[in-house]
Amino acid sequence: MKKVYRGNIRPGDALFVLLPCPMDKDYQWEDTDIISQLQVGSTGIFTPVEYDEGSIWEQNGATLALKDVAEYGFPDGRRYVFFETERGLVFAREAYESISDATTLQEVEEYVLKMIN
């Protein structure tokens, strides 16, 4: 990690983030078409949420405290990541209309800084 825009993490810290799906471009499930393209070593801007005691996953009568798995995670596989691939910049363009034509991480960074300041 080279930059931190908000939070208590420092550049260089290791950050463990729970993904909503496997990192496999051939795997797609609802709302995972963006993040499933992520690869180890990808360069991008990632905006995970910090899990707290109320962060739980319930399914089939079972409950998982997400904080037991990772400190951070992405609520879905579309809106929280902006990253570069061989084919260019990947992100949910329809979710960010004001930067839908962005082609560089610099443009995304300017947008993110504007939104959080």
Protein backbone atom coordinates (compact mmCIF):
# COMPACT_ATOMS: atom_id res chain seq x y z
CA MET A 1 0.00 0.00 0.00
CA LYS A 2 1.49 3.31 -1.08
CA LYS A 3 -1.16 5.86 -0.05
CA VAL A 4 -3.91 6.06 2.51
CA TYR A 5 -6.65 8.61 1.97
CA ARG A 6 -8.58 8.06 5.20
CA GLY A 7 -8.34 5.84 8.27
CA ASN A 8 -5.75 4.59 10.71
CA ILE A 9 -3.70 2.51 8.29
CA ARG A 10 -0.21 3.70 7.39
CA PRO A 11 1.44 3.34 3.99
CA GLY A 12 3.37 0.08 3.97
CA ASP A 13 1.05 -1.69 6.44
CA ALA A 14 -0.32 -5.08 5.44
CA LEU A 15 -4.08 -4.99 5.04
CA PHE A 16 -6.23 -8.11 4.92
CA VAL A 17 -9.47 -7.59 3.00
CA LEU A 18 -12.29 -10.07 2.50
CA LEU A 19 -13.42 -10.16 -1.12
CA PRO A 20 -17.03 -10.96 -2.03
CA CYS A 21 -15.89 -13.59 -4.55
CA PRO A 22 -12.81 -15.45 -5.77
CA MET A 23 -10.21 -13.56 -7.80
CA ASP A 24 -11.02 -15.30 -11.08
CA LYS A 25 -12.11 -13.49 -14.24
CA ASP A 26 -13.96 -16.61 -15.37
CA TYR A 27 -16.07 -16.61 -12.21
CA GLN A 28 -18.99 -14.24 -12.10
CA TRP A 29 -21.78 -13.98 -9.63
CA GLU A 30 -24.21 -11.16 -9.10
CA ASP A 31 -22.35 -7.88 -8.52
CA THR A 32 -18.87 -9.41 -8.90
CA ASP A 33 -18.04 -8.64 -12.53
CA ILE A 34 -15.60 -5.87 -11.56
CA ILE A 35 -13.75 -7.28 -8.57
CA SER A 36 -13.47 -10.76 -10.11
CA GLN A 37 -11.01 -9.22 -12.59
CA LEU A 38 -8.63 -8.27 -9.76
CA GLN A 39 -5.26 -10.02 -9.79
CA VAL A 40 -2.45 -10.28 -7.27
CA GLY A 41 -0.31 -7.18 -7.60
CA SER A 42 -3.01 -5.04 -9.21
CA THR A 43 -2.48 -1.31 -8.93
CA GLY A 44 -5.54 0.66 -8.00
CA ILE A 45 -7.60 2.60 -5.51
CA PHE A 46 -9.48 0.34 -3.12
CA THR A 47 -12.09 1.53 -0.65
CA PRO A 48 -12.96 -1.33 1.70
CA VAL A 49 -15.06 -0.83 4.80
CA GLU A 50 -13.77 -1.61 8.28
CA TYR A 51 -15.68 -4.41 9.96
CA ASP A 52 -17.02 -3.95 13.47
CA GLU A 53 -18.97 -6.12 15.89
CA GLY A 54 -22.14 -5.58 13.84
CA SER A 55 -20.58 -6.85 10.62
CA ILE A 56 -22.11 -10.28 10.21
CA TRP A 57 -23.12 -12.64 7.43
CA GLU A 58 -26.17 -14.79 8.05
CA GLN A 59 -27.17 -17.65 5.81
CA ASN A 60 -29.11 -20.88 6.33
CA GLY A 61 -29.42 -20.26 10.06
CA ALA A 62 -25.67 -19.79 10.54
CA THR A 63 -23.93 -16.53 11.49
CA LEU A 64 -20.37 -15.51 10.67
CA ALA A 65 -18.73 -12.51 12.32
CA LEU A 66 -16.84 -10.98 9.39
CA LYS A 67 -14.26 -9.47 11.74
CA ASP A 68 -13.21 -13.06 12.58
CA VAL A 69 -12.16 -13.48 8.95
CA ALA A 70 -10.65 -10.08 8.08
CA GLU A 71 -10.52 -6.54 9.42
CA TYR A 72 -11.87 -5.04 6.19
CA GLY A 73 -14.04 -6.08 3.28
CA PHE A 74 -15.96 -4.95 0.24
CA PRO A 75 -19.76 -4.84 0.57
CA ASP A 76 -20.09 -5.79 -3.10
CA GLY A 77 -17.86 -6.58 -6.05
CA ARG A 78 -18.52 -3.46 -8.11
CA ARG A 79 -18.44 -0.07 -6.39
CA TYR A 80 -15.42 -0.13 -4.11
CA VAL A 81 -12.50 -0.75 -6.48
CA PHE A 82 -10.77 1.12 -9.28
CA PHE A 83 -7.78 -0.67 -10.79
CA GLU A 84 -5.61 -0.99 -13.86
CA THR A 85 -5.54 -4.03 -16.12
CA GLU A 86 -3.87 -4.78 -19.43
CA ARG A 87 -7.08 -3.55 -21.07
CA GLY A 88 -7.16 -0.28 -19.12
CA LEU A 89 -8.86 1.15 -16.08
CA VAL A 90 -11.61 -1.02 -14.59
CA PHE A 91 -14.41 0.22 -12.33
CA ALA A 92 -18.21 0.40 -12.22
CA ARG A 93 -18.53 3.32 -14.62
CA GLU A 94 -22.33 3.42 -14.37
CA ALA A 95 -22.05 3.91 -10.59
CA TYR A 96 -19.73 6.92 -10.99
CA GLU A 97 -21.28 8.98 -13.77
CA SER A 98 -19.13 12.06 -13.17
CA ILE A 99 -15.94 10.08 -13.91
CA SER A 100 -17.36 7.46 -16.24
CA ASP A 101 -14.95 8.54 -18.99
CA ALA A 102 -11.86 8.30 -16.73
CA THR A 103 -8.92 6.44 -18.21
CA THR A 104 -6.32 6.92 -15.45
CA LEU A 105 -6.04 6.34 -11.73
CA GLN A 106 -5.02 10.00 -11.42
CA GLU A 107 -8.53 11.02 -12.52
CA VAL A 108 -10.06 8.61 -10.01
CA GLU A 109 -7.77 9.87 -7.25
CA GLU A 110 -8.83 13.47 -7.90
CA TYR A 111 -12.48 12.40 -7.69
CA VAL A 112 -11.96 10.42 -4.46
CA LEU A 113 -10.10 13.30 -2.82
CA LYS A 114 -12.86 15.70 -3.81
CA MET A 115 -15.50 13.39 -2.31
CA ILE A 116 -13.77 12.84 1.04
CA ASN A 117 -12.61 16.40 1.65
